[in-house]
Amino acid sequence: MAILRVSEIRRMSNEERLAKLRELKAELMRLRAQQASGAPLEKPGRIRAIRRTIARILTVINEEEKGIRRV
């Protein structure tokens, strides 16, 4: 799964954003559980990338709710 750019997130519909957000949170939970169990992660930087993408999606959602128009 590729990490999304802000421009890609803005082009999505709200339903698509929420679906992607659920998907990313599930993957993050899975990776954290794998890390906690002591198993080595194939790509340890993936956790950070997923957290940042979740933050980007939430930022775009909040901007739209508040009516903030970003270029």
PDB file of N, CA and C in Angstrom:
ATOM      1  N   MET A   1       0.846  -1.181   0.000  1.00  0.00           N
ATOM      2  CA  MET A   1       0.000   0.000   0.000  1.00  0.00           C
ATOM      3  C   MET A   1       0.886   1.238   0.000  1.00  0.00           C
ATOM      4  N   ALA A   2       0.637   2.137  -0.923  1.00  0.00           N
ATOM      5  CA  ALA A   2       1.430   3.343  -1.042  1.00  0.00           C
ATOM      6  C   ALA A   2       0.958   4.392  -0.035  1.00  0.00           C
ATOM      7  N   ILE A   3       1.897   5.187   0.394  1.00  0.00           N
ATOM      8  CA  ILE A   3       1.570   6.296   1.286  1.00  0.00           C
ATOM      9  C   ILE A   3       0.959   7.406   0.438  1.00  0.00           C
ATOM     10  N   LEU A   4      -0.106   7.986   0.912  1.00  0.00           N
ATOM     11  CA  LEU A   4      -0.859   8.981   0.145  1.00  0.00           C
ATOM     12  C   LEU A   4      -0.290  10.383   0.327  1.00  0.00           C
ATOM     13  N   ARG A   5      -0.344  11.135  -0.744  1.00  0.00           N
ATOM     14  CA  ARG A   5       0.026  12.548  -0.697  1.00  0.00           C
ATOM     15  C   ARG A   5      -1.241  13.350  -0.402  1.00  0.00           C
ATOM     16  N   VAL A   6      -1.055  14.573   0.074  1.00  0.00           N
ATOM     17  CA  VAL A   6      -2.194  15.420   0.430  1.00  0.00           C
ATOM     18  C   VAL A   6      -3.075  15.676  -0.791  1.00  0.00           C
ATOM     19  N   SER A   7      -2.473  15.889  -1.948  1.00  0.00           N
ATOM     20  CA  SER A   7      -3.266  16.151  -3.156  1.00  0.00           C
ATOM     21  C   SER A   7      -4.156  14.954  -3.498  1.00  0.00           C
ATOM     22  N   GLU A   8      -3.643  13.735  -3.276  1.00  0.00           N
ATOM     23  CA  GLU A   8      -4.446  12.537  -3.532  1.00  0.00           C
ATOM     24  C   GLU A   8      -5.598  12.430  -2.533  1.00  0.00           C
ATOM     25  N   ILE A   9      -5.326  12.781  -1.294  1.00  0.00           N
ATOM     26  CA  ILE A   9      -6.349  12.717  -0.248  1.00  0.00           C
ATOM     27  C   ILE A   9      -7.464  13.728  -0.544  1.00  0.00           C
ATOM     28  N   ARG A  10      -7.094  14.913  -0.991  1.00  0.00           N
ATOM     29  CA  ARG A  10      -8.094  15.945  -1.288  1.00  0.00           C
ATOM     30  C   ARG A  10      -9.006  15.540  -2.450  1.00  0.00           C
ATOM     31  N   ARG A  11      -8.489  14.749  -3.396  1.00  0.00           N
ATOM     32  CA  ARG A  11      -9.301  14.317  -4.540  1.00  0.00           C
ATOM     33  C   ARG A  11     -10.279  13.208  -4.163  1.00  0.00           C
ATOM     34  N   MET A  12     -10.072  12.558  -3.031  1.00  0.00           N
ATOM     35  CA  MET A  12     -10.964  11.470  -2.605  1.00  0.00           C
ATOM     36  C   MET A  12     -12.285  12.029  -2.096  1.00  0.00           C
ATOM     37  N   SER A  13     -13.314  11.195  -2.171  1.00  0.00           N
ATOM     38  CA  SER A  13     -14.572  11.574  -1.538  1.00  0.00           C
ATOM     39  C   SER A  13     -14.436  11.326  -0.030  1.00  0.00           C
ATOM     40  N   ASN A  14     -15.360  11.862   0.727  1.00  0.00           N
ATOM     41  CA  ASN A  14     -15.297  11.702   2.179  1.00  0.00           C
ATOM     42  C   ASN A  14     -15.404  10.229   2.580  1.00  0.00           C
ATOM     43  N   GLU A  15     -16.240   9.468   1.866  1.00  0.00           N
ATOM     44  CA  GLU A  15     -16.392   8.043   2.167  1.00  0.00           C
ATOM     45  C   GLU A  15     -15.091   7.287   1.897  1.00  0.00           C
ATOM     46  N   GLU A  16     -14.412   7.646   0.811  1.00  0.00           N
ATOM     47  CA  GLU A  16     -13.134   7.004   0.491  1.00  0.00           C
ATOM     48  C   GLU A  16     -12.085   7.318   1.550  1.00  0.00           C
ATOM     49  N   ARG A  17     -12.078   8.564   2.014  1.00  0.00           N
ATOM     50  CA  ARG A  17     -11.128   8.954   3.066  1.00  0.00           C
ATOM     51  C   ARG A  17     -11.362   8.156   4.344  1.00  0.00           C
ATOM     52  N   LEU A  18     -12.629   8.039   4.735  1.00  0.00           N
ATOM     53  CA  LEU A  18     -12.941   7.307   5.955  1.00  0.00           C
ATOM     54  C   LEU A  18     -12.597   5.825   5.826  1.00  0.00           C
ATOM     55  N   ALA A  19     -12.820   5.262   4.646  1.00  0.00           N
ATOM     56  CA  ALA A  19     -12.468   3.854   4.414  1.00  0.00           C
ATOM     57  C   ALA A  19     -10.953   3.670   4.490  1.00  0.00           C
ATOM     58  N   LYS A  20     -10.197   4.580   3.885  1.00  0.00           N
ATOM     59  CA  LYS A  20      -8.734   4.499   3.918  1.00  0.00           C
ATOM     60  C   LYS A  20      -8.226   4.685   5.343  1.00  0.00           C
ATOM     61  N   LEU A  21      -8.881   5.574   6.096  1.00  0.00           N
ATOM     62  CA  LEU A  21      -8.500   5.805   7.481  1.00  0.00           C
ATOM     63  C   LEU A  21      -8.689   4.539   8.309  1.00  0.00           C
ATOM     64  N   ARG A  22      -9.822   3.859   8.145  1.00  0.00           N
ATOM     65  CA  ARG A  22     -10.056   2.600   8.860  1.00  0.00           C
ATOM     66  C   ARG A  22      -9.015   1.548   8.479  1.00  0.00           C
ATOM     67  N   GLU A  23      -8.715   1.475   7.203  1.00  0.00           N
ATOM     68  CA  GLU A  23      -7.740   0.505   6.702  1.00  0.00           C
ATOM     69  C   GLU A  23      -6.348   0.761   7.297  1.00  0.00           C
ATOM     70  N   LEU A  24      -5.943   2.027   7.322  1.00  0.00           N
ATOM     71  CA  LEU A  24      -4.626   2.368   7.860  1.00  0.00           C
ATOM     72  C   LEU A  24      -4.546   2.128   9.364  1.00  0.00           C
ATOM     73  N   LYS A  25      -5.617   2.452  10.082  1.00  0.00           N
ATOM     74  CA  LYS A  25      -5.620   2.217  11.527  1.00  0.00           C
ATOM     75  C   LYS A  25      -5.534   0.727  11.835  1.00  0.00           C
ATOM     76  N   ALA A  26      -6.205  -0.097  11.032  1.00  0.00           N
ATOM     77  CA  ALA A  26      -6.140  -1.549  11.223  1.00  0.00           C
ATOM     78  C   ALA A  26      -4.725  -2.060  10.958  1.00  0.00           C
ATOM     79  N   GLU A  27      -4.090  -1.541   9.909  1.00  0.00           N
ATOM     80  CA  GLU A  27      -2.723  -1.965   9.610  1.00  0.00           C
ATOM     81  C   GLU A  27      -1.759  -1.520  10.703  1.00  0.00           C
ATOM     82  N   LEU A  28      -1.951  -0.310  11.204  1.00  0.00           N
ATOM     83  CA  LEU A  28      -1.103   0.190  12.286  1.00  0.00           C
ATOM     84  C   LEU A  28      -1.244  -0.675  13.532  1.00  0.00           C
ATOM     85  N   MET A  29      -2.472  -1.049  13.855  1.00  0.00           N
ATOM     86  CA  MET A  29      -2.715  -1.904  15.014  1.00  0.00           C
ATOM     87  C   MET A  29      -2.022  -3.264  14.835  1.00  0.00           C
ATOM     88  N   ARG A  30      -2.108  -3.806  13.614  1.00  0.00           N
ATOM     89  CA  ARG A  30      -1.476  -5.086  13.320  1.00  0.00           C
ATOM     90  C   ARG A  30       0.052  -5.000  13.461  1.00  0.00           C
ATOM     91  N   LEU A  31       0.639  -3.921  12.945  1.00  0.00           N
ATOM     92  CA  LEU A  31       2.085  -3.753  13.039  1.00  0.00           C
ATOM     93  C   LEU A  31       2.549  -3.560  14.482  1.00  0.00           C
ATOM     94  N   ARG A  32       1.779  -2.799  15.255  1.00  0.00           N
ATOM     95  CA  ARG A  32       2.137  -2.591  16.658  1.00  0.00           C
ATOM     96  C   ARG A  32       2.038  -3.875  17.458  1.00  0.00           C
ATOM     97  N   ALA A  33       1.035  -4.695  17.144  1.00  0.00           N
ATOM     98  CA  ALA A  33       0.901  -5.984  17.826  1.00  0.00           C
ATOM     99  C   ALA A  33       2.066  -6.899  17.463  1.00  0.00           C
ATOM    100  N   GLN A  34       2.452  -6.878  16.209  1.00  0.00           N
ATOM    101  CA  GLN A  34       3.582  -7.689  15.762  1.00  0.00           C
ATOM    102  C   GLN A  34       4.863  -7.241  16.449  1.00  0.00           C
ATOM    103  N   GLN A  35       5.030  -5.930  16.585  1.00  0.00           N
ATOM    104  CA  GLN A  35       6.215  -5.389  17.244  1.00  0.00           C
ATOM    105  C   GLN A  35       6.222  -5.741  18.728  1.00  0.00           C
ATOM    106  N   ALA A  36       5.069  -5.686  19.364  1.00  0.00           N
ATOM    107  CA  ALA A  36       4.965  -5.976  20.794  1.00  0.00           C
ATOM    108  C   ALA A  36       5.223  -7.452  21.083  1.00  0.00           C
ATOM    109  N   SER A  37       4.913  -8.307  20.122  1.00  0.00           N
ATOM    110  CA  SER A  37       5.122  -9.736  20.334  1.00  0.00           C
ATOM    111  C   SER A  37       6.593 -10.118  20.205  1.00  0.00           C
ATOM    112  N   GLY A  38       7.399  -9.185  19.778  1.00  0.00           N
ATOM    113  CA  GLY A  38       8.822  -9.445  19.680  1.00  0.00           C
ATOM    114  C   GLY A  38       9.267  -9.896  18.307  1.00  0.00           C
ATOM    115  N   ALA A  39       8.328 -10.031  17.385  1.00  0.00           N
ATOM    116  CA  ALA A  39       8.676 -10.439  16.031  1.00  0.00           C
ATOM    117  C   ALA A  39       9.341  -9.264  15.302  1.00  0.00           C
ATOM    118  N   PRO A  40      10.381  -9.538  14.542  1.00  0.00           N
ATOM    119  CA  PRO A  40      11.033  -8.438  13.817  1.00  0.00           C
ATOM    120  C   PRO A  40      10.147  -7.923  12.692  1.00  0.00           C
ATOM    121  N   LEU A  41      10.074  -6.620  12.553  1.00  0.00           N
ATOM    122  CA  LEU A  41       9.272  -6.018  11.495  1.00  0.00           C
ATOM    123  C   LEU A  41      10.080  -5.992  10.209  1.00  0.00           C
ATOM    124  N   GLU A  42       9.408  -6.289   9.106  1.00  0.00           N
ATOM    125  CA  GLU A  42      10.089  -6.277   7.818  1.00  0.00           C
ATOM    126  C   GLU A  42      10.510  -4.852   7.448  1.00  0.00           C
ATOM    127  N   LYS A  43       9.595  -3.898   7.680  1.00  0.00           N
ATOM    128  CA  LYS A  43       9.890  -2.490   7.393  1.00  0.00           C
ATOM    129  C   LYS A  43       9.518  -1.659   8.619  1.00  0.00           C
ATOM    130  N   PRO A  44      10.435  -1.434   9.538  1.00  0.00           N
ATOM    131  CA  PRO A  44      10.109  -0.701  10.767  1.00  0.00           C
ATOM    132  C   PRO A  44       9.655   0.743  10.531  1.00  0.00           C
ATOM    133  N   GLY A  45      10.104   1.361   9.445  1.00  0.00           N
ATOM    134  CA  GLY A  45       9.706   2.735   9.147  1.00  0.00           C
ATOM    135  C   GLY A  45       8.263   2.846   8.692  1.00  0.00           C
ATOM    136  N   ARG A  46       7.641   1.725   8.419  1.00  0.00           N
ATOM    137  CA  ARG A  46       6.255   1.706   7.946  1.00  0.00           C
ATOM    138  C   ARG A  46       5.301   2.257   9.004  1.00  0.00           C
ATOM    139  N   ILE A  47       5.588   1.990  10.279  1.00  0.00           N
ATOM    140  CA  ILE A  47       4.724   2.491  11.360  1.00  0.00           C
ATOM    141  C   ILE A  47       4.674   4.016  11.317  1.00  0.00           C
ATOM    142  N   ARG A  48       5.822   4.636  11.185  1.00  0.00           N
ATOM    143  CA  ARG A  48       5.882   6.099  11.148  1.00  0.00           C
ATOM    144  C   ARG A  48       5.156   6.644   9.922  1.00  0.00           C
ATOM    145  N   ALA A  49       5.352   6.001   8.777  1.00  0.00           N
ATOM    146  CA  ALA A  49       4.703   6.447   7.545  1.00  0.00           C
ATOM    147  C   ALA A  49       3.183   6.339   7.655  1.00  0.00           C
ATOM    148  N   ILE A  50       2.690   5.268   8.253  1.00  0.00           N
ATOM    149  CA  ILE A  50       1.247   5.094   8.424  1.00  0.00           C
ATOM    150  C   ILE A  50       0.690   6.155   9.368  1.00  0.00           C
ATOM    151  N   ARG A  51       1.401   6.412  10.463  1.00  0.00           N
ATOM    152  CA  ARG A  51       0.936   7.442  11.410  1.00  0.00           C
ATOM    153  C   ARG A  51       0.838   8.798  10.727  1.00  0.00           C
ATOM    154  N   ARG A  52       1.808   9.123   9.891  1.00  0.00           N
ATOM    155  CA  ARG A  52       1.784  10.409   9.188  1.00  0.00           C
ATOM    156  C   ARG A  52       0.639  10.483   8.178  1.00  0.00           C
ATOM    157  N   THR A  53       0.386   9.386   7.495  1.00  0.00           N
ATOM    158  CA  THR A  53      -0.716   9.377   6.537  1.00  0.00           C
ATOM    159  C   THR A  53      -2.056   9.520   7.244  1.00  0.00           C
ATOM    160  N   ILE A  54      -2.212   8.865   8.389  1.00  0.00           N
ATOM    161  CA  ILE A  54      -3.434   9.015   9.190  1.00  0.00           C
ATOM    162  C   ILE A  54      -3.614  10.476   9.579  1.00  0.00           C
ATOM    163  N   ALA A  55      -2.532  11.118   9.995  1.00  0.00           N
ATOM    164  CA  ALA A  55      -2.601  12.535  10.378  1.00  0.00           C
ATOM    165  C   ALA A  55      -2.994  13.405   9.188  1.00  0.00           C
ATOM    166  N   ARG A  56      -2.462  13.103   8.003  1.00  0.00           N
ATOM    167  CA  ARG A  56      -2.814  13.871   6.807  1.00  0.00           C
ATOM    168  C   ARG A  56      -4.306  13.752   6.496  1.00  0.00           C
ATOM    169  N   ILE A  57      -4.819  12.532   6.575  1.00  0.00           N
ATOM    170  CA  ILE A  57      -6.240  12.322   6.292  1.00  0.00           C
ATOM    171  C   ILE A  57      -7.104  13.075   7.300  1.00  0.00           C
ATOM    172  N   LEU A  58      -6.770  12.973   8.571  1.00  0.00           N
ATOM    173  CA  LEU A  58      -7.540  13.667   9.605  1.00  0.00           C
ATOM    174  C   LEU A  58      -7.468  15.184   9.426  1.00  0.00           C
ATOM    175  N   THR A  59      -6.315  15.700   9.008  1.00  0.00           N
ATOM    176  CA  THR A  59      -6.165  17.130   8.772  1.00  0.00           C
ATOM    177  C   THR A  59      -7.080  17.596   7.650  1.00  0.00           C
ATOM    178  N   VAL A  60      -7.114  16.869   6.556  1.00  0.00           N
ATOM    179  CA  VAL A  60      -7.972  17.242   5.421  1.00  0.00           C
ATOM    180  C   VAL A  60      -9.444  17.172   5.829  1.00  0.00           C
ATOM    181  N   ILE A  61      -9.818  16.143   6.566  1.00  0.00           N
ATOM    182  CA  ILE A  61     -11.206  16.021   7.030  1.00  0.00           C
ATOM    183  C   ILE A  61     -11.576  17.209   7.910  1.00  0.00           C
ATOM    184  N   ASN A  62     -10.705  17.567   8.849  1.00  0.00           N
ATOM    185  CA  ASN A  62     -10.984  18.697   9.740  1.00  0.00           C
ATOM    186  C   ASN A  62     -11.028  20.021   8.991  1.00  0.00           C
ATOM    187  N   GLU A  63     -10.151  20.207   8.001  1.00  0.00           N
ATOM    188  CA  GLU A  63     -10.186  21.435   7.215  1.00  0.00           C
ATOM    189  C   GLU A  63     -11.517  21.572   6.475  1.00  0.00           C
ATOM    190  N   GLU A  64     -11.993  20.477   5.920  1.00  0.00           N
ATOM    191  CA  GLU A  64     -13.260  20.546   5.188  1.00  0.00           C
ATOM    192  C   GLU A  64     -14.435  20.799   6.123  1.00  0.00           C
ATOM    193  N   GLU A  65     -14.401  20.212   7.311  1.00  0.00           N
ATOM    194  CA  GLU A  65     -15.477  20.440   8.274  1.00  0.00           C
ATOM    195  C   GLU A  65     -15.533  21.900   8.709  1.00  0.00           C
ATOM    196  N   LYS A  66     -14.363  22.526   8.837  1.00  0.00           N
ATOM    197  CA  LYS A  66     -14.301  23.909   9.299  1.00  0.00           C
ATOM    198  C   LYS A  66     -14.394  24.910   8.157  1.00  0.00           C
ATOM    199  N   GLY A  67     -14.426  24.405   6.937  1.00  0.00           N
ATOM    200  CA  GLY A  67     -14.554  25.287   5.787  1.00  0.00           C
ATOM    201  C   GLY A  67     -13.262  25.988   5.400  1.00  0.00           C
ATOM    202  N   ILE A  68     -12.149  25.453   5.803  1.00  0.00           N
ATOM    203  CA  ILE A  68     -10.857  26.041   5.468  1.00  0.00           C
ATOM    204  C   ILE A  68     -10.492  25.562   4.070  1.00  0.00           C
ATOM    205  N   ARG A  69     -10.180  26.492   3.203  1.00  0.00           N
ATOM    206  CA  ARG A  69      -9.832  26.118   1.825  1.00  0.00           C
ATOM    207  C   ARG A  69      -8.327  26.199   1.664  1.00  0.00           C
ATOM    208  N   ARG A  70      -7.705  25.055   1.390  1.00  0.00           N
ATOM    209  CA  ARG A  70      -6.268  24.994   1.177  1.00  0.00           C
ATOM    210  C   ARG A  70      -5.983  24.855  -0.306  1.00  0.00           C
ATOM    211  N   VAL A  71      -4.892  25.421  -0.739  1.00  0.00           N
ATOM    212  CA  VAL A  71      -4.491  25.341  -2.156  1.00  0.00           C
ATOM    213  C   VAL A  71      -3.453  24.287  -2.336  1.00  0.00           C
TER     214      VAL A  71
END
